[in-house]
């Protein structure tokens, strides 16, 4: 096991020490387990963005490739 030095917030270190004492475990064992869990969640989480809104409707006479015409149309609906 490699040793390293971490700079932790005082409140975080206090919470870690309290939890380690409650569980009767060494601080390093608890910290290793919590870091492993955090890294596993990061790898396994797949975020999927669900968007809901309106249904697009084709507008007669609107050229969707004409940016200025689209901006004019959107600006008039405000």
PDB file of N, CA and C in Angstrom:
ATOM      1  N   UNK A   1       0.858  -1.181   0.000  1.00  0.00           N
ATOM      2  CA  UNK A   1       0.000   0.000   0.000  1.00  0.00           C
ATOM      3  C   UNK A   1       0.897   1.234   0.000  1.00  0.00           C
ATOM      4  N   UNK A   2       0.584   2.147  -0.899  1.00  0.00           N
ATOM      5  CA  UNK A   2       1.337   3.391  -1.008  1.00  0.00           C
ATOM      6  C   UNK A   2       0.773   4.414  -0.047  1.00  0.00           C
ATOM      7  N   UNK A   3       1.659   5.166   0.580  1.00  0.00           N
ATOM      8  CA  UNK A   3       1.230   6.228   1.490  1.00  0.00           C
ATOM      9  C   UNK A   3       1.228   7.550   0.744  1.00  0.00           C
ATOM     10  N   UNK A   4       0.283   8.405   1.106  1.00  0.00           N
ATOM     11  CA  UNK A   4       0.218   9.734   0.500  1.00  0.00           C
ATOM     12  C   UNK A   4      -0.320  10.716   1.525  1.00  0.00           C
ATOM     13  N   UNK A   5      -0.220  11.972   1.217  1.00  0.00           N
ATOM     14  CA  UNK A   5      -0.734  13.019   2.096  1.00  0.00           C
ATOM     15  C   UNK A   5      -1.872  13.730   1.377  1.00  0.00           C
ATOM     16  N   UNK A   6      -2.979  13.884   2.070  1.00  0.00           N
ATOM     17  CA  UNK A   6      -4.135  14.596   1.532  1.00  0.00           C
ATOM     18  C   UNK A   6      -4.431  15.805   2.402  1.00  0.00           C
ATOM     19  N   UNK A   7      -4.859  16.883   1.776  1.00  0.00           N
ATOM     20  CA  UNK A   7      -5.306  18.060   2.514  1.00  0.00           C
ATOM     21  C   UNK A   7      -6.829  18.008   2.562  1.00  0.00           C
ATOM     22  N   UNK A   8      -7.388  17.721   3.731  1.00  0.00           N
ATOM     23  CA  UNK A   8      -8.830  17.591   3.911  1.00  0.00           C
ATOM     24  C   UNK A   8      -9.362  18.748   4.745  1.00  0.00           C
ATOM     25  N   UNK A   9     -10.594  19.148   4.455  1.00  0.00           N
ATOM     26  CA  UNK A   9     -11.248  20.144   5.310  1.00  0.00           C
ATOM     27  C   UNK A   9     -11.354  19.583   6.720  1.00  0.00           C
ATOM     28  N   UNK A  10     -11.252  20.460   7.704  1.00  0.00           N
ATOM     29  CA  UNK A  10     -11.316  20.028   9.102  1.00  0.00           C
ATOM     30  C   UNK A  10     -12.625  19.299   9.411  1.00  0.00           C
ATOM     31  N   UNK A  11     -13.736  19.833   8.893  1.00  0.00           N
ATOM     32  CA  UNK A  11     -15.029  19.205   9.182  1.00  0.00           C
ATOM     33  C   UNK A  11     -15.138  17.840   8.515  1.00  0.00           C
ATOM     34  N   UNK A  12     -14.573  17.699   7.320  1.00  0.00           N
ATOM     35  CA  UNK A  12     -14.585  16.416   6.635  1.00  0.00           C
ATOM     36  C   UNK A  12     -13.747  15.388   7.392  1.00  0.00           C
ATOM     37  N   UNK A  13     -12.572  15.784   7.821  1.00  0.00           N
ATOM     38  CA  UNK A  13     -11.711  14.872   8.574  1.00  0.00           C
ATOM     39  C   UNK A  13     -12.377  14.460   9.885  1.00  0.00           C
ATOM     40  N   UNK A  14     -13.011  15.402  10.551  1.00  0.00           N
ATOM     41  CA  UNK A  14     -13.705  15.092  11.802  1.00  0.00           C
ATOM     42  C   UNK A  14     -14.825  14.073  11.552  1.00  0.00           C
ATOM     43  N   UNK A  15     -15.591  14.282  10.469  1.00  0.00           N
ATOM     44  CA  UNK A  15     -16.664  13.346  10.133  1.00  0.00           C
ATOM     45  C   UNK A  15     -16.110  11.960   9.812  1.00  0.00           C
ATOM     46  N   UNK A  16     -15.020  11.908   9.069  1.00  0.00           N
ATOM     47  CA  UNK A  16     -14.400  10.621   8.759  1.00  0.00           C
ATOM     48  C   UNK A  16     -13.927   9.906  10.020  1.00  0.00           C
ATOM     49  N   UNK A  17     -13.299  10.651  10.917  1.00  0.00           N
ATOM     50  CA  UNK A  17     -12.808  10.056  12.163  1.00  0.00           C
ATOM     51  C   UNK A  17     -13.964   9.548  13.018  1.00  0.00           C
ATOM     52  N   UNK A  18     -15.052  10.322  13.096  1.00  0.00           N
ATOM     53  CA  UNK A  18     -16.216   9.893  13.880  1.00  0.00           C
ATOM     54  C   UNK A  18     -16.829   8.625  13.302  1.00  0.00           C
ATOM     55  N   UNK A  19     -16.966   8.580  11.982  1.00  0.00           N
ATOM     56  CA  UNK A  19     -17.544   7.394  11.352  1.00  0.00           C
ATOM     57  C   UNK A  19     -16.641   6.177  11.526  1.00  0.00           C
ATOM     58  N   UNK A  20     -15.351   6.370  11.369  1.00  0.00           N
ATOM     59  CA  UNK A  20     -14.406   5.261  11.554  1.00  0.00           C
ATOM     60  C   UNK A  20     -14.483   4.730  12.974  1.00  0.00           C
ATOM     61  N   UNK A  21     -14.606   5.621  13.944  1.00  0.00           N
ATOM     62  CA  UNK A  21     -14.711   5.204  15.344  1.00  0.00           C
ATOM     63  C   UNK A  21     -16.014   4.459  15.591  1.00  0.00           C
ATOM     64  N   UNK A  22     -17.124   4.965  15.046  1.00  0.00           N
ATOM     65  CA  UNK A  22     -18.419   4.287  15.200  1.00  0.00           C
ATOM     66  C   UNK A  22     -18.389   2.879  14.617  1.00  0.00           C
ATOM     67  N   UNK A  23     -17.724   2.744  13.467  1.00  0.00           N
ATOM     68  CA  UNK A  23     -17.681   1.447  12.802  1.00  0.00           C
ATOM     69  C   UNK A  23     -16.533   0.570  13.295  1.00  0.00           C
ATOM     70  N   UNK A  24     -15.694   1.140  14.173  1.00  0.00           N
ATOM     71  CA  UNK A  24     -14.567   0.369  14.712  1.00  0.00           C
ATOM     72  C   UNK A  24     -13.543   0.012  13.643  1.00  0.00           C
ATOM     73  N   UNK A  25     -13.318   0.923  12.726  1.00  0.00           N
ATOM     74  CA  UNK A  25     -12.397   0.684  11.618  1.00  0.00           C
ATOM     75  C   UNK A  25     -11.305   1.736  11.615  1.00  0.00           C
ATOM     76  N   UNK A  26     -10.157   1.406  11.062  1.00  0.00           N
ATOM     77  CA  UNK A  26      -9.103   2.422  10.921  1.00  0.00           C
ATOM     78  C   UNK A  26      -9.528   3.485   9.906  1.00  0.00           C
ATOM     79  N   UNK A  27      -9.058   4.680  10.094  1.00  0.00           N
ATOM     80  CA  UNK A  27      -9.403   5.793   9.220  1.00  0.00           C
ATOM     81  C   UNK A  27      -9.022   5.496   7.775  1.00  0.00           C
ATOM     82  N   UNK A  28      -7.852   4.926   7.559  1.00  0.00           N
ATOM     83  CA  UNK A  28      -7.407   4.668   6.189  1.00  0.00           C
ATOM     84  C   UNK A  28      -8.305   3.640   5.487  1.00  0.00           C
ATOM     85  N   UNK A  29      -8.809   2.655   6.206  1.00  0.00           N
ATOM     86  CA  UNK A  29      -9.674   1.641   5.605  1.00  0.00           C
ATOM     87  C   UNK A  29     -11.010   2.257   5.179  1.00  0.00           C
ATOM     88  N   UNK A  30     -11.584   3.070   6.048  1.00  0.00           N
ATOM     89  CA  UNK A  30     -12.835   3.744   5.720  1.00  0.00           C
ATOM     90  C   UNK A  30     -12.654   4.665   4.522  1.00  0.00           C
ATOM     91  N   UNK A  31     -11.592   5.450   4.533  1.00  0.00           N
ATOM     92  CA  UNK A  31     -11.330   6.395   3.442  1.00  0.00           C
ATOM     93  C   UNK A  31     -11.135   5.664   2.119  1.00  0.00           C
ATOM     94  N   UNK A  32     -10.369   4.574   2.126  1.00  0.00           N
ATOM     95  CA  UNK A  32     -10.178   3.787   0.900  1.00  0.00           C
ATOM     96  C   UNK A  32     -11.500   3.263   0.371  1.00  0.00           C
ATOM     97  N   UNK A  33     -12.341   2.723   1.260  1.00  0.00           N
ATOM     98  CA  UNK A  33     -13.634   2.180   0.835  1.00  0.00           C
ATOM     99  C   UNK A  33     -14.534   3.272   0.257  1.00  0.00           C
ATOM    100  N   UNK A  34     -14.573   4.430   0.892  1.00  0.00           N
ATOM    101  CA  UNK A  34     -15.413   5.524   0.400  1.00  0.00           C
ATOM    102  C   UNK A  34     -14.921   6.052  -0.950  1.00  0.00           C
ATOM    103  N   UNK A  35     -13.610   6.136  -1.125  1.00  0.00           N
ATOM    104  CA  UNK A  35     -13.069   6.570  -2.414  1.00  0.00           C
ATOM    105  C   UNK A  35     -13.363   5.541  -3.503  1.00  0.00           C
ATOM    106  N   UNK A  36     -13.255   4.266  -3.183  1.00  0.00           N
ATOM    107  CA  UNK A  36     -13.592   3.218  -4.156  1.00  0.00           C
ATOM    108  C   UNK A  36     -15.056   3.318  -4.586  1.00  0.00           C
ATOM    109  N   UNK A  37     -15.946   3.514  -3.600  1.00  0.00           N
ATOM    110  CA  UNK A  37     -17.370   3.655  -3.920  1.00  0.00           C
ATOM    111  C   UNK A  37     -17.625   4.863  -4.815  1.00  0.00           C
ATOM    112  N   UNK A  38     -17.010   5.977  -4.490  1.00  0.00           N
ATOM    113  CA  UNK A  38     -17.209   7.196  -5.286  1.00  0.00           C
ATOM    114  C   UNK A  38     -16.716   6.998  -6.713  1.00  0.00           C
ATOM    115  N   UNK A  39     -15.592   6.346  -6.888  1.00  0.00           N
ATOM    116  CA  UNK A  39     -15.064   6.109  -8.232  1.00  0.00           C
ATOM    117  C   UNK A  39     -15.925   5.111  -8.990  1.00  0.00           C
ATOM    118  N   UNK A  40     -16.469   4.113  -8.310  1.00  0.00           N
ATOM    119  CA  UNK A  40     -17.334   3.128  -8.967  1.00  0.00           C
ATOM    120  C   UNK A  40     -18.636   3.774  -9.426  1.00  0.00           C
ATOM    121  N   UNK A  41     -19.202   4.643  -8.621  1.00  0.00           N
ATOM    122  CA  UNK A  41     -20.440   5.342  -8.995  1.00  0.00           C
ATOM    123  C   UNK A  41     -20.179   6.225 -10.201  1.00  0.00           C
ATOM    124  N   UNK A  42     -19.046   6.898 -10.207  1.00  0.00           N
ATOM    125  CA  UNK A  42     -18.699   7.784 -11.325  1.00  0.00           C
ATOM    126  C   UNK A  42     -18.605   6.991 -12.621  1.00  0.00           C
ATOM    127  N   UNK A  43     -18.013   5.806 -12.587  1.00  0.00           N
ATOM    128  CA  UNK A  43     -17.857   4.990 -13.788  1.00  0.00           C
ATOM    129  C   UNK A  43     -19.185   4.396 -14.242  1.00  0.00           C
ATOM    130  N   UNK A  44     -20.020   3.994 -13.293  1.00  0.00           N
ATOM    131  CA  UNK A  44     -21.236   3.274 -13.654  1.00  0.00           C
ATOM    132  C   UNK A  44     -22.421   4.174 -13.974  1.00  0.00           C
ATOM    133  N   UNK A  45     -22.347   5.426 -13.574  1.00  0.00           N
ATOM    134  CA  UNK A  45     -23.505   6.291 -13.805  1.00  0.00           C
ATOM    135  C   UNK A  45     -23.552   6.714 -15.262  1.00  0.00           C
ATOM    136  N   UNK A  46     -24.683   6.470 -15.870  1.00  0.00           N
ATOM    137  CA  UNK A  46     -24.886   6.932 -17.243  1.00  0.00           C
ATOM    138  C   UNK A  46     -26.020   7.944 -17.197  1.00  0.00           C
ATOM    139  N   UNK A  47     -25.680   9.161 -17.478  1.00  0.00           N
ATOM    140  CA  UNK A  47     -26.642  10.248 -17.400  1.00  0.00           C
ATOM    141  C   UNK A  47     -27.402  10.321 -18.713  1.00  0.00           C
ATOM    142  N   UNK A  48     -28.695  10.376 -18.625  1.00  0.00           N
ATOM    143  CA  UNK A  48     -29.526  10.521 -19.814  1.00  0.00           C
ATOM    144  C   UNK A  48     -30.440  11.716 -19.604  1.00  0.00           C
ATOM    145  N   UNK A  49     -30.332  12.659 -20.488  1.00  0.00           N
ATOM    146  CA  UNK A  49     -31.125  13.878 -20.396  1.00  0.00           C
ATOM    147  C   UNK A  49     -32.442  13.670 -21.128  1.00  0.00           C
ATOM    148  N   UNK A  50     -33.523  13.853 -20.413  1.00  0.00           N
ATOM    149  CA  UNK A  50     -34.862  13.738 -20.993  1.00  0.00           C
ATOM    150  C   UNK A  50     -35.423  15.146 -21.154  1.00  0.00           C
ATOM    151  N   UNK A  51     -35.724  15.512 -22.362  1.00  0.00           N
ATOM    152  CA  UNK A  51     -36.283  16.834 -22.623  1.00  0.00           C
ATOM    153  C   UNK A  51     -37.737  16.701 -23.039  1.00  0.00           C
ATOM    154  N   UNK A  52     -38.539  17.617 -22.570  1.00  0.00           N
ATOM    155  CA  UNK A  52     -39.928  17.645 -23.002  1.00  0.00           C
ATOM    156  C   UNK A  52     -40.243  19.078 -23.420  1.00  0.00           C
ATOM    157  N   UNK A  53     -41.157  19.221 -24.266  1.00  0.00           N
ATOM    158  CA  UNK A  53     -41.478  20.568 -24.731  1.00  0.00           C
ATOM    159  C   UNK A  53     -42.627  20.526 -25.700  1.00  0.00           C
ATOM    160  N   UNK A  54     -42.465  21.191 -26.778  1.00  0.00           N
ATOM    161  CA  UNK A  54     -43.518  21.286 -27.761  1.00  0.00           C
ATOM    162  C   UNK A  54     -43.176  20.402 -28.956  1.00  0.00           C
ATOM    163  N   UNK A  55     -44.192  20.128 -29.753  1.00  0.00           N
ATOM    164  CA  UNK A  55     -43.964  19.416 -30.998  1.00  0.00           C
ATOM    165  C   UNK A  55     -43.759  20.449 -32.100  1.00  0.00           C
ATOM    166  N   UNK A  56     -42.721  20.247 -32.871  1.00  0.00           N
ATOM    167  CA  UNK A  56     -42.438  21.181 -33.964  1.00  0.00           C
ATOM    168  C   UNK A  56     -43.450  20.971 -35.085  1.00  0.00           C
ATOM    169  N   UNK A  57     -43.890  22.065 -35.626  1.00  0.00           N
ATOM    170  CA  UNK A  57     -44.824  21.996 -36.745  1.00  0.00           C
ATOM    171  C   UNK A  57     -44.234  22.765 -37.915  1.00  0.00           C
ATOM    172  N   UNK A  58     -44.337  22.172 -39.060  1.00  0.00           N
ATOM    173  CA  UNK A  58     -43.828  22.810 -40.261  1.00  0.00           C
ATOM    174  C   UNK A  58     -44.634  24.074 -40.535  1.00  0.00           C
ATOM    175  N   UNK A  59     -43.935  25.154 -40.809  1.00  0.00           N
ATOM    176  CA  UNK A  59     -44.591  26.428 -41.114  1.00  0.00           C
ATOM    177  C   UNK A  59     -44.566  26.640 -42.623  1.00  0.00           C
ATOM    178  N   UNK A  60     -45.704  26.863 -43.232  1.00  0.00           N
ATOM    179  CA  UNK A  60     -45.720  27.068 -44.687  1.00  0.00           C
ATOM    180  C   UNK A  60     -44.939  28.323 -45.062  1.00  0.00           C
ATOM    181  N   UNK A  61     -44.137  28.209 -46.092  1.00  0.00           N
ATOM    182  CA  UNK A  61     -43.398  29.362 -46.595  1.00  0.00           C
ATOM    183  C   UNK A  61     -42.136  29.683 -45.826  1.00  0.00           C
ATOM    184  N   UNK A  62     -41.726  28.835 -44.863  1.00  0.00           N
ATOM    185  CA  UNK A  62     -40.519  29.096 -44.081  1.00  0.00           C
ATOM    186  C   UNK A  62     -39.397  28.208 -44.605  1.00  0.00           C
ATOM    187  N   UNK A  63     -38.322  28.833 -44.991  1.00  0.00           N
ATOM    188  CA  UNK A  63     -37.146  28.106 -45.447  1.00  0.00           C
ATOM    189  C   UNK A  63     -36.249  27.875 -44.229  1.00  0.00           C
ATOM    190  N   UNK A  64     -36.162  26.640 -43.769  1.00  0.00           N
ATOM    191  CA  UNK A  64     -35.397  26.354 -42.546  1.00  0.00           C
ATOM    192  C   UNK A  64     -33.902  26.545 -42.750  1.00  0.00           C
ATOM    193  N   UNK A  65     -33.471  26.682 -43.980  1.00  0.00           N
ATOM    194  CA  UNK A  65     -32.059  26.916 -44.254  1.00  0.00           C
ATOM    195  C   UNK A  65     -31.720  28.403 -44.310  1.00  0.00           C
ATOM    196  N   UNK A  66     -32.730  29.257 -44.139  1.00  0.00           N
ATOM    197  CA  UNK A  66     -32.533  30.704 -44.145  1.00  0.00           C
ATOM    198  C   UNK A  66     -32.539  31.189 -42.691  1.00  0.00           C
ATOM    199  N   UNK A  67     -31.352  31.407 -42.165  1.00  0.00           N
ATOM    200  CA  UNK A  67     -31.198  31.777 -40.759  1.00  0.00           C
ATOM    201  C   UNK A  67     -31.936  33.071 -40.428  1.00  0.00           C
ATOM    202  N   UNK A  68     -31.809  34.068 -41.275  1.00  0.00           N
ATOM    203  CA  UNK A  68     -32.456  35.355 -41.002  1.00  0.00           C
ATOM    204  C   UNK A  68     -33.978  35.217 -40.955  1.00  0.00           C
ATOM    205  N   UNK A  69     -34.532  34.420 -41.835  1.00  0.00           N
ATOM    206  CA  UNK A  69     -35.976  34.213 -41.849  1.00  0.00           C
ATOM    207  C   UNK A  69     -36.415  33.499 -40.566  1.00  0.00           C
ATOM    208  N   UNK A  70     -35.616  32.525 -40.113  1.00  0.00           N
ATOM    209  CA  UNK A  70     -35.960  31.816 -38.872  1.00  0.00           C
ATOM    210  C   UNK A  70     -35.896  32.757 -37.666  1.00  0.00           C
ATOM    211  N   UNK A  71     -34.850  33.598 -37.620  1.00  0.00           N
ATOM    212  CA  UNK A  71     -34.746  34.539 -36.501  1.00  0.00           C
ATOM    213  C   UNK A  71     -35.916  35.531 -36.515  1.00  0.00           C
ATOM    214  N   UNK A  72     -36.285  35.974 -37.697  1.00  0.00           N
ATOM    215  CA  UNK A  72     -37.430  36.893 -37.796  1.00  0.00           C
ATOM    216  C   UNK A  72     -38.698  36.226 -37.283  1.00  0.00           C
ATOM    217  N   UNK A  73     -38.902  34.969 -37.666  1.00  0.00           N
ATOM    218  CA  UNK A  73     -40.086  34.225 -37.245  1.00  0.00           C
ATOM    219  C   UNK A  73     -40.079  34.018 -35.730  1.00  0.00           C
ATOM    220  N   UNK A  74     -38.944  33.656 -35.171  1.00  0.00           N
ATOM    221  CA  UNK A  74     -38.857  33.441 -33.728  1.00  0.00           C
ATOM    222  C   UNK A  74     -39.021  34.754 -32.969  1.00  0.00           C
ATOM    223  N   UNK A  75     -38.467  35.819 -33.492  1.00  0.00           N
ATOM    224  CA  UNK A  75     -38.574  37.113 -32.828  1.00  0.00           C
ATOM    225  C   UNK A  75     -39.992  37.634 -32.811  1.00  0.00           C
ATOM    226  N   UNK A  76     -40.774  37.313 -33.809  1.00  0.00           N
ATOM    227  CA  UNK A  76     -42.148  37.814 -33.867  1.00  0.00           C
ATOM    228  C   UNK A  76     -43.071  37.053 -32.908  1.00  0.00           C
ATOM    229  N   UNK A  77     -42.627  35.913 -32.380  1.00  0.00           N
ATOM    230  CA  UNK A  77     -43.471  35.123 -31.475  1.00  0.00           C
ATOM    231  C   UNK A  77     -43.240  35.495 -30.013  1.00  0.00           C
ATOM    232  N   UNK A  78     -42.367  36.385 -29.742  1.00  0.00           N
ATOM    233  CA  UNK A  78     -42.082  36.758 -28.343  1.00  0.00           C
ATOM    234  C   UNK A  78     -43.065  37.732 -27.808  1.00  0.00           C
TER     235      UNK A  78
END
